[in-house]
Amino acid sequence: MTDEEILVGFALTRLDNPGLEMDEVAALFLRRAGQDLVTEFASRNLATRDELRGALFPAAVEHVLRVVLTLRGPAD
C-alpha cells in the first residue's frame, strides 16, 4: 500500500468517525485493513526507526500516523 493510499484510507475512516482522535482513527483504519497490513506497517516502522517500539499493532498505528502527518505537511 502506498503512502497516498494510506492517506486516502485514513481520510475515509475519519469521515466516517469525525469524533475520534487521530490515533483512534489510525487504529480503526488498521482494524479494517487486516492483519497483513498491520504486519507490513509495523515492519515499515521498524525500518524507519531502526527499532520495534512496543507490540505490532501500536507500531503499525505509529507508522500510519507518521505517513498522515508527513503528507499533510507543516502546520501553518
N, C-alpha and C. Protein backbone atom coordinates (compact mmCIF):
# COMPACT_ATOMS: atom_id res chain seq x y z
N MET A 1 0.85 -1.17 0.00
CA MET A 1 0.00 0.00 0.00
C MET A 1 0.90 1.23 0.00
N THR A 2 0.61 2.16 -0.89
CA THR A 2 1.41 3.38 -0.98
C THR A 2 1.01 4.36 0.11
N ASP A 3 1.86 5.37 0.30
CA ASP A 3 1.56 6.40 1.30
C ASP A 3 0.26 7.13 0.94
N GLU A 4 0.05 7.36 -0.35
CA GLU A 4 -1.17 8.04 -0.79
C GLU A 4 -2.41 7.21 -0.48
N GLU A 5 -2.31 5.89 -0.65
CA GLU A 5 -3.44 5.01 -0.33
C GLU A 5 -3.71 4.99 1.17
N ILE A 6 -2.65 5.05 1.96
CA ILE A 6 -2.81 5.14 3.41
C ILE A 6 -3.56 6.42 3.77
N LEU A 7 -3.15 7.53 3.16
CA LEU A 7 -3.79 8.81 3.44
C LEU A 7 -5.27 8.80 3.06
N VAL A 8 -5.59 8.23 1.91
CA VAL A 8 -6.99 8.16 1.47
C VAL A 8 -7.80 7.27 2.41
N GLY A 9 -7.26 6.11 2.77
CA GLY A 9 -7.95 5.22 3.70
C GLY A 9 -8.17 5.86 5.05
N PHE A 10 -7.16 6.57 5.53
CA PHE A 10 -7.27 7.28 6.80
C PHE A 10 -8.34 8.36 6.71
N ALA A 11 -8.33 9.12 5.62
CA ALA A 11 -9.31 10.21 5.45
C ALA A 11 -10.73 9.67 5.40
N LEU A 12 -10.93 8.58 4.69
CA LEU A 12 -12.27 7.99 4.61
C LEU A 12 -12.73 7.47 5.96
N THR A 13 -11.82 6.87 6.70
CA THR A 13 -12.16 6.40 8.05
C THR A 13 -12.50 7.57 8.96
N ARG A 14 -11.76 8.66 8.81
CA ARG A 14 -12.02 9.84 9.65
C ARG A 14 -13.37 10.48 9.30
N LEU A 15 -13.72 10.46 8.01
CA LEU A 15 -15.03 10.98 7.61
C LEU A 15 -16.17 10.19 8.24
N ASP A 16 -15.98 8.87 8.35
CA ASP A 16 -16.99 8.01 8.96
C ASP A 16 -17.05 8.17 10.48
N ASN A 17 -15.96 8.65 11.08
CA ASN A 17 -15.85 8.74 12.54
C ASN A 17 -15.25 10.08 12.94
N PRO A 18 -15.98 11.18 12.75
CA PRO A 18 -15.40 12.51 12.95
C PRO A 18 -15.05 12.85 14.39
N GLY A 19 -15.60 12.16 15.35
CA GLY A 19 -15.36 12.49 16.75
C GLY A 19 -14.13 11.84 17.35
N LEU A 20 -13.43 11.00 16.60
CA LEU A 20 -12.29 10.27 17.14
C LEU A 20 -11.00 11.07 17.01
N GLU A 21 -10.07 10.80 17.91
CA GLU A 21 -8.72 11.37 17.82
C GLU A 21 -7.97 10.69 16.68
N MET A 22 -6.88 11.30 16.24
CA MET A 22 -6.14 10.76 15.09
C MET A 22 -5.61 9.36 15.33
N ASP A 23 -5.11 9.08 16.53
CA ASP A 23 -4.59 7.74 16.80
C ASP A 23 -5.71 6.71 16.81
N GLU A 24 -6.89 7.10 17.25
CA GLU A 24 -8.05 6.19 17.23
C GLU A 24 -8.50 5.92 15.80
N VAL A 25 -8.44 6.94 14.95
CA VAL A 25 -8.79 6.76 13.54
C VAL A 25 -7.79 5.83 12.88
N ALA A 26 -6.51 6.01 13.18
CA ALA A 26 -5.48 5.13 12.62
C ALA A 26 -5.69 3.69 13.06
N ALA A 27 -6.03 3.49 14.32
CA ALA A 27 -6.28 2.13 14.82
C ALA A 27 -7.49 1.51 14.14
N LEU A 28 -8.55 2.28 13.97
CA LEU A 28 -9.75 1.78 13.30
C LEU A 28 -9.45 1.45 11.84
N PHE A 29 -8.70 2.31 11.17
CA PHE A 29 -8.28 2.05 9.79
C PHE A 29 -7.52 0.73 9.69
N LEU A 30 -6.61 0.49 10.63
CA LEU A 30 -5.83 -0.75 10.60
C LEU A 30 -6.68 -1.98 10.91
N ARG A 31 -7.63 -1.85 11.82
CA ARG A 31 -8.51 -2.99 12.11
C ARG A 31 -9.31 -3.38 10.88
N ARG A 32 -9.74 -2.37 10.11
CA ARG A 32 -10.48 -2.64 8.88
C ARG A 32 -9.58 -3.20 7.79
N ALA A 33 -8.31 -2.77 7.77
CA ALA A 33 -7.38 -3.17 6.72
C ALA A 33 -6.93 -4.63 6.85
N GLY A 34 -6.84 -5.13 8.07
CA GLY A 34 -6.47 -6.52 8.27
C GLY A 34 -5.06 -6.72 8.79
N GLN A 35 -4.81 -7.94 9.24
CA GLN A 35 -3.56 -8.28 9.91
C GLN A 35 -2.35 -8.19 8.98
N ASP A 36 -2.52 -8.48 7.70
CA ASP A 36 -1.39 -8.42 6.78
C ASP A 36 -0.83 -7.01 6.69
N LEU A 37 -1.71 -6.02 6.62
CA LEU A 37 -1.24 -4.63 6.57
C LEU A 37 -0.68 -4.18 7.91
N VAL A 38 -1.21 -4.66 9.00
CA VAL A 38 -0.66 -4.34 10.31
C VAL A 38 0.79 -4.81 10.37
N THR A 39 1.04 -6.02 9.91
CA THR A 39 2.40 -6.55 9.90
C THR A 39 3.30 -5.75 8.97
N GLU A 40 2.78 -5.40 7.79
CA GLU A 40 3.56 -4.61 6.83
C GLU A 40 3.92 -3.25 7.40
N PHE A 41 2.96 -2.57 8.00
CA PHE A 41 3.22 -1.24 8.53
C PHE A 41 4.14 -1.28 9.74
N ALA A 42 4.02 -2.30 10.56
CA ALA A 42 4.92 -2.44 11.70
C ALA A 42 6.35 -2.68 11.21
N SER A 43 6.50 -3.44 10.13
CA SER A 43 7.84 -3.66 9.58
C SER A 43 8.40 -2.38 8.97
N ARG A 44 7.55 -1.57 8.36
CA ARG A 44 8.00 -0.27 7.84
C ARG A 44 8.43 0.64 8.99
N ASN A 45 7.70 0.58 10.09
CA ASN A 45 8.07 1.37 11.26
C ASN A 45 9.42 0.91 11.80
N LEU A 46 9.64 -0.39 11.81
CA LEU A 46 10.92 -0.94 12.24
C LEU A 46 12.05 -0.43 11.34
N ALA A 47 11.82 -0.42 10.04
CA ALA A 47 12.83 0.05 9.10
C ALA A 47 13.11 1.54 9.28
N THR A 48 12.07 2.31 9.56
CA THR A 48 12.24 3.75 9.71
C THR A 48 12.95 4.10 11.02
N ARG A 49 12.52 3.46 12.10
CA ARG A 49 13.04 3.82 13.43
C ARG A 49 14.25 3.00 13.83
N ASP A 50 14.51 1.91 13.12
CA ASP A 50 15.61 1.01 13.44
C ASP A 50 15.39 0.29 14.77
N GLU A 51 14.12 0.23 15.20
CA GLU A 51 13.74 -0.49 16.41
C GLU A 51 12.23 -0.73 16.37
N LEU A 52 11.79 -1.79 17.01
CA LEU A 52 10.36 -2.06 17.12
C LEU A 52 9.94 -1.63 18.51
N ARG A 53 9.19 -0.53 18.56
CA ARG A 53 8.77 0.03 19.83
C ARG A 53 7.42 -0.53 20.21
N GLY A 54 7.39 -1.44 21.15
CA GLY A 54 6.14 -1.99 21.61
C GLY A 54 5.65 -3.13 20.73
N ALA A 55 4.38 -3.40 20.84
CA ALA A 55 3.76 -4.50 20.11
C ALA A 55 3.54 -4.13 18.65
N LEU A 56 3.15 -5.12 17.87
CA LEU A 56 2.97 -4.97 16.44
C LEU A 56 1.92 -3.90 16.09
N PHE A 57 0.75 -3.98 16.70
CA PHE A 57 -0.34 -3.07 16.36
C PHE A 57 -0.01 -1.61 16.67
N PRO A 58 0.50 -1.28 17.86
CA PRO A 58 0.87 0.11 18.13
C PRO A 58 1.96 0.62 17.18
N ALA A 59 2.88 -0.24 16.78
CA ALA A 59 3.92 0.17 15.83
C ALA A 59 3.31 0.48 14.47
N ALA A 60 2.31 -0.29 14.07
CA ALA A 60 1.63 -0.03 12.80
C ALA A 60 0.84 1.28 12.87
N VAL A 61 0.18 1.52 14.00
CA VAL A 61 -0.55 2.78 14.19
C VAL A 61 0.42 3.95 14.10
N GLU A 62 1.58 3.82 14.71
CA GLU A 62 2.59 4.88 14.66
C GLU A 62 3.00 5.17 13.22
N HIS A 63 3.17 4.11 12.43
CA HIS A 63 3.55 4.30 11.03
C HIS A 63 2.46 5.05 10.26
N VAL A 64 1.21 4.66 10.45
CA VAL A 64 0.11 5.33 9.75
C VAL A 64 0.07 6.80 10.13
N LEU A 65 0.21 7.10 11.41
CA LEU A 65 0.20 8.50 11.84
C LEU A 65 1.37 9.28 11.26
N ARG A 66 2.54 8.65 11.20
CA ARG A 66 3.71 9.32 10.63
C ARG A 66 3.47 9.65 9.16
N VAL A 67 2.91 8.71 8.42
CA VAL A 67 2.62 8.95 6.99
C VAL A 67 1.62 10.07 6.84
N VAL A 68 0.52 10.02 7.60
CA VAL A 68 -0.53 11.03 7.50
C VAL A 68 0.02 12.42 7.84
N LEU A 69 0.77 12.52 8.92
CA LEU A 69 1.28 13.82 9.32
C LEU A 69 2.36 14.33 8.36
N THR A 70 3.14 13.43 7.79
CA THR A 70 4.15 13.84 6.81
C THR A 70 3.52 14.34 5.53
N LEU A 71 2.52 13.62 5.03
CA LEU A 71 1.88 14.02 3.79
C LEU A 71 1.00 15.27 3.97
N ARG A 72 0.54 15.46 5.17
CA ARG A 72 -0.29 16.63 5.46
C ARG A 72 0.52 17.92 5.38
N GLY A 73 1.79 17.83 5.64
CA GLY A 73 2.67 18.99 5.54
C GLY A 73 2.79 19.75 6.83
N PRO A 74 3.59 20.80 6.82
CA PRO A 74 3.80 21.57 8.04
C PRO A 74 2.55 22.35 8.45
N ALA A 75 2.41 22.54 9.73
CA ALA A 75 1.29 23.32 10.25
C ALA A 75 1.54 24.79 9.97
N ASP A 76 0.48 25.51 9.65
CA ASP A 76 0.62 26.94 9.37
C ASP A 76 0.64 27.76 10.62
